[in-house]
Amino acid sequence: MALKLIFMRVSGSKLNETAIGYKTLALEAYEIDGFTFVWSTDGKGWKGARNNLEETFDVMDHIYNIKDLEDEIIGEVF
């Protein structure tokens, strides 16, 4: 399993593009047997991009933040 952590300090077009891109990747990943797409992200920048993040939450099963990683939620999920 590979895990990528993205920490966003400010909102903006890059943040929105990331959320939309990961939503697309998550939808495509559902087609691959034995593959799970996991996104871990955090930061104040997400407060300004809640709508895009909510759209991504709607299609992804696994979005986590730094606190989740500290609490070892990944071990519980997988």
N, C-alpha and C. Protein backbone atom coordinates (compact mmCIF):
# COMPACT_ATOMS: atom_id res chain seq x y z
N MET A 1 0.85 -1.16 0.00
CA MET A 1 0.00 0.00 0.00
C MET A 1 0.90 1.23 0.00
N ALA A 2 0.58 2.18 -0.85
CA ALA A 2 1.28 3.46 -0.88
C ALA A 2 0.35 4.52 -0.31
N LEU A 3 0.91 5.41 0.47
CA LEU A 3 0.12 6.46 1.10
C LEU A 3 0.76 7.79 0.77
N LYS A 4 -0.04 8.72 0.28
CA LYS A 4 0.46 10.05 -0.04
C LYS A 4 -0.25 11.05 0.85
N LEU A 5 0.53 11.88 1.54
CA LEU A 5 -0.03 12.91 2.42
C LEU A 5 0.17 14.26 1.77
N ILE A 6 -0.90 15.01 1.65
CA ILE A 6 -0.84 16.37 1.10
C ILE A 6 -1.31 17.32 2.19
N PHE A 7 -0.46 18.29 2.54
CA PHE A 7 -0.81 19.28 3.55
C PHE A 7 -1.00 20.61 2.86
N MET A 8 -2.18 21.18 2.97
CA MET A 8 -2.49 22.44 2.30
C MET A 8 -2.65 23.56 3.31
N ARG A 9 -1.82 24.61 3.19
CA ARG A 9 -1.89 25.74 4.12
C ARG A 9 -2.82 26.84 3.63
N VAL A 10 -2.98 26.97 2.33
CA VAL A 10 -3.84 28.02 1.78
C VAL A 10 -4.77 27.41 0.75
N SER A 11 -5.95 28.02 0.56
CA SER A 11 -6.86 27.53 -0.46
C SER A 11 -6.51 28.18 -1.79
N GLY A 12 -7.09 27.69 -2.85
CA GLY A 12 -6.82 28.25 -4.17
C GLY A 12 -7.05 27.23 -5.26
N SER A 13 -6.66 27.58 -6.47
CA SER A 13 -6.95 26.73 -7.62
C SER A 13 -6.22 25.40 -7.55
N LYS A 14 -4.99 25.37 -7.03
CA LYS A 14 -4.26 24.11 -6.92
C LYS A 14 -4.99 23.14 -6.01
N LEU A 15 -5.50 23.64 -4.92
CA LEU A 15 -6.24 22.82 -3.98
C LEU A 15 -7.51 22.26 -4.62
N ASN A 16 -8.24 23.11 -5.31
CA ASN A 16 -9.46 22.66 -5.99
C ASN A 16 -9.13 21.64 -7.07
N GLU A 17 -8.07 21.88 -7.82
CA GLU A 17 -7.65 20.95 -8.87
C GLU A 17 -7.26 19.60 -8.27
N THR A 18 -6.59 19.62 -7.13
CA THR A 18 -6.21 18.38 -6.46
C THR A 18 -7.44 17.58 -6.05
N ALA A 19 -8.41 18.23 -5.43
CA ALA A 19 -9.63 17.54 -5.00
C ALA A 19 -10.36 16.93 -6.18
N ILE A 20 -10.49 17.68 -7.26
CA ILE A 20 -11.19 17.18 -8.45
C ILE A 20 -10.41 16.02 -9.08
N GLY A 21 -9.09 16.16 -9.15
CA GLY A 21 -8.25 15.11 -9.74
C GLY A 21 -8.31 13.83 -8.94
N TYR A 22 -8.27 13.94 -7.61
CA TYR A 22 -8.32 12.74 -6.78
C TYR A 22 -9.69 12.10 -6.81
N LYS A 23 -10.71 12.90 -6.98
CA LYS A 23 -12.06 12.34 -7.15
C LYS A 23 -12.09 11.48 -8.41
N THR A 24 -11.51 11.97 -9.48
CA THR A 24 -11.45 11.22 -10.75
C THR A 24 -10.64 9.94 -10.57
N LEU A 25 -9.49 10.03 -9.92
CA LEU A 25 -8.67 8.84 -9.67
C LEU A 25 -9.41 7.81 -8.84
N ALA A 26 -10.13 8.27 -7.83
CA ALA A 26 -10.88 7.35 -6.97
C ALA A 26 -11.93 6.60 -7.77
N LEU A 27 -12.64 7.31 -8.64
CA LEU A 27 -13.65 6.66 -9.47
C LEU A 27 -13.03 5.63 -10.40
N GLU A 28 -11.88 5.95 -10.96
CA GLU A 28 -11.19 5.00 -11.85
C GLU A 28 -10.64 3.82 -11.07
N ALA A 29 -10.21 4.05 -9.83
CA ALA A 29 -9.62 2.99 -9.01
C ALA A 29 -10.63 1.91 -8.66
N TYR A 30 -11.91 2.26 -8.58
CA TYR A 30 -12.93 1.26 -8.27
C TYR A 30 -12.97 0.14 -9.32
N GLU A 31 -12.47 0.42 -10.50
CA GLU A 31 -12.47 -0.57 -11.59
C GLU A 31 -11.35 -1.60 -11.44
N ILE A 32 -10.39 -1.36 -10.55
CA ILE A 32 -9.20 -2.21 -10.42
C ILE A 32 -9.38 -3.16 -9.24
N ASP A 33 -9.45 -4.44 -9.52
CA ASP A 33 -9.61 -5.44 -8.46
C ASP A 33 -8.37 -5.45 -7.56
N GLY A 34 -8.59 -5.50 -6.26
CA GLY A 34 -7.51 -5.60 -5.30
C GLY A 34 -6.76 -4.30 -5.05
N PHE A 35 -7.28 -3.18 -5.54
CA PHE A 35 -6.62 -1.88 -5.39
C PHE A 35 -7.53 -0.96 -4.60
N THR A 36 -6.95 -0.27 -3.62
CA THR A 36 -7.70 0.69 -2.83
C THR A 36 -6.99 2.03 -2.89
N PHE A 37 -7.70 3.06 -3.30
CA PHE A 37 -7.16 4.41 -3.36
C PHE A 37 -7.39 5.09 -2.02
N VAL A 38 -6.31 5.52 -1.38
CA VAL A 38 -6.38 6.16 -0.07
C VAL A 38 -5.77 7.55 -0.19
N TRP A 39 -6.47 8.55 0.31
CA TRP A 39 -5.96 9.93 0.28
C TRP A 39 -5.90 10.44 1.70
N SER A 40 -4.73 10.92 2.10
CA SER A 40 -4.57 11.54 3.41
C SER A 40 -4.13 12.98 3.20
N THR A 41 -4.89 13.89 3.73
CA THR A 41 -4.62 15.31 3.53
C THR A 41 -5.05 16.09 4.75
N ASP A 42 -4.50 17.28 4.89
CA ASP A 42 -4.84 18.10 6.05
C ASP A 42 -4.39 19.53 5.77
N GLY A 43 -4.77 20.43 6.62
CA GLY A 43 -4.32 21.81 6.51
C GLY A 43 -5.46 22.80 6.50
N LYS A 44 -5.15 24.04 6.88
CA LYS A 44 -6.15 25.09 6.94
C LYS A 44 -6.72 25.44 5.57
N GLY A 45 -5.98 25.19 4.52
CA GLY A 45 -6.44 25.52 3.18
C GLY A 45 -7.75 24.86 2.80
N TRP A 46 -8.02 23.71 3.39
CA TRP A 46 -9.26 23.00 3.05
C TRP A 46 -10.50 23.74 3.52
N LYS A 47 -10.38 24.61 4.49
CA LYS A 47 -11.55 25.35 4.96
C LYS A 47 -12.14 26.21 3.85
N GLY A 48 -11.30 26.71 2.97
CA GLY A 48 -11.77 27.53 1.86
C GLY A 48 -12.21 26.73 0.65
N ALA A 49 -12.04 25.42 0.71
CA ALA A 49 -12.38 24.57 -0.44
C ALA A 49 -13.33 23.45 -0.03
N ARG A 50 -14.16 23.72 0.93
CA ARG A 50 -15.05 22.67 1.45
C ARG A 50 -15.95 22.04 0.40
N ASN A 51 -16.45 22.84 -0.54
CA ASN A 51 -17.37 22.28 -1.54
C ASN A 51 -16.69 21.20 -2.37
N ASN A 52 -15.48 21.47 -2.84
CA ASN A 52 -14.77 20.46 -3.63
C ASN A 52 -14.42 19.25 -2.79
N LEU A 53 -14.04 19.47 -1.55
CA LEU A 53 -13.72 18.34 -0.69
C LEU A 53 -14.95 17.49 -0.41
N GLU A 54 -16.09 18.13 -0.21
CA GLU A 54 -17.33 17.39 0.01
C GLU A 54 -17.69 16.54 -1.20
N GLU A 55 -17.51 17.07 -2.39
CA GLU A 55 -17.77 16.29 -3.61
C GLU A 55 -16.87 15.06 -3.67
N THR A 56 -15.62 15.23 -3.24
CA THR A 56 -14.69 14.11 -3.25
C THR A 56 -15.06 13.10 -2.17
N PHE A 57 -15.47 13.57 -0.99
CA PHE A 57 -15.93 12.67 0.07
C PHE A 57 -17.08 11.79 -0.41
N ASP A 58 -17.94 12.35 -1.25
CA ASP A 58 -19.10 11.60 -1.73
C ASP A 58 -18.72 10.37 -2.54
N VAL A 59 -17.56 10.37 -3.20
CA VAL A 59 -17.19 9.24 -4.05
C VAL A 59 -16.04 8.40 -3.48
N MET A 60 -15.35 8.90 -2.45
CA MET A 60 -14.20 8.16 -1.90
C MET A 60 -14.56 7.50 -0.58
N ASP A 61 -14.07 6.28 -0.43
CA ASP A 61 -14.27 5.56 0.82
C ASP A 61 -13.19 5.89 1.85
N HIS A 62 -12.02 6.33 1.38
CA HIS A 62 -10.88 6.49 2.28
C HIS A 62 -10.19 7.85 2.11
N ILE A 63 -10.65 8.84 2.90
CA ILE A 63 -9.97 10.14 3.00
C ILE A 63 -9.68 10.34 4.49
N TYR A 64 -8.42 10.62 4.79
CA TYR A 64 -8.01 10.76 6.18
C TYR A 64 -7.23 12.04 6.38
N ASN A 65 -7.04 12.41 7.66
CA ASN A 65 -6.23 13.57 7.98
C ASN A 65 -5.08 13.14 8.90
N ILE A 66 -4.26 14.11 9.30
CA ILE A 66 -3.09 13.80 10.12
C ILE A 66 -3.49 13.15 11.44
N LYS A 67 -4.55 13.62 12.05
CA LYS A 67 -5.00 13.04 13.33
C LYS A 67 -5.37 11.57 13.14
N ASP A 68 -6.02 11.25 12.02
CA ASP A 68 -6.34 9.85 11.74
C ASP A 68 -5.08 9.00 11.67
N LEU A 69 -4.04 9.52 11.02
CA LEU A 69 -2.79 8.79 10.90
C LEU A 69 -2.13 8.61 12.26
N GLU A 70 -2.15 9.67 13.08
CA GLU A 70 -1.59 9.57 14.43
C GLU A 70 -2.34 8.53 15.26
N ASP A 71 -3.64 8.43 15.04
CA ASP A 71 -4.46 7.45 15.76
C ASP A 71 -4.41 6.06 15.12
N GLU A 72 -3.58 5.91 14.09
CA GLU A 72 -3.36 4.63 13.40
C GLU A 72 -4.64 4.04 12.83
N ILE A 73 -5.50 4.90 12.30
CA ILE A 73 -6.75 4.44 11.70
C ILE A 73 -6.51 3.54 10.49
N ILE A 74 -5.40 3.77 9.80
CA ILE A 74 -5.09 2.97 8.60
C ILE A 74 -5.00 1.49 8.97
N GLY A 75 -4.37 1.20 10.10
CA GLY A 75 -4.25 -0.17 10.55
C GLY A 75 -5.60 -0.80 10.86
N GLU A 76 -6.53 0.00 11.32
CA GLU A 76 -7.88 -0.49 11.62
C GLU A 76 -8.69 -0.73 10.35
N VAL A 77 -8.48 0.12 9.36
CA VAL A 77 -9.24 0.03 8.12
C VAL A 77 -8.75 -1.12 7.25
N PHE A 78 -7.43 -1.28 7.19
CA PHE A 78 -6.85 -2.31 6.34
C PHE A 78 -6.33 -3.43 7.17
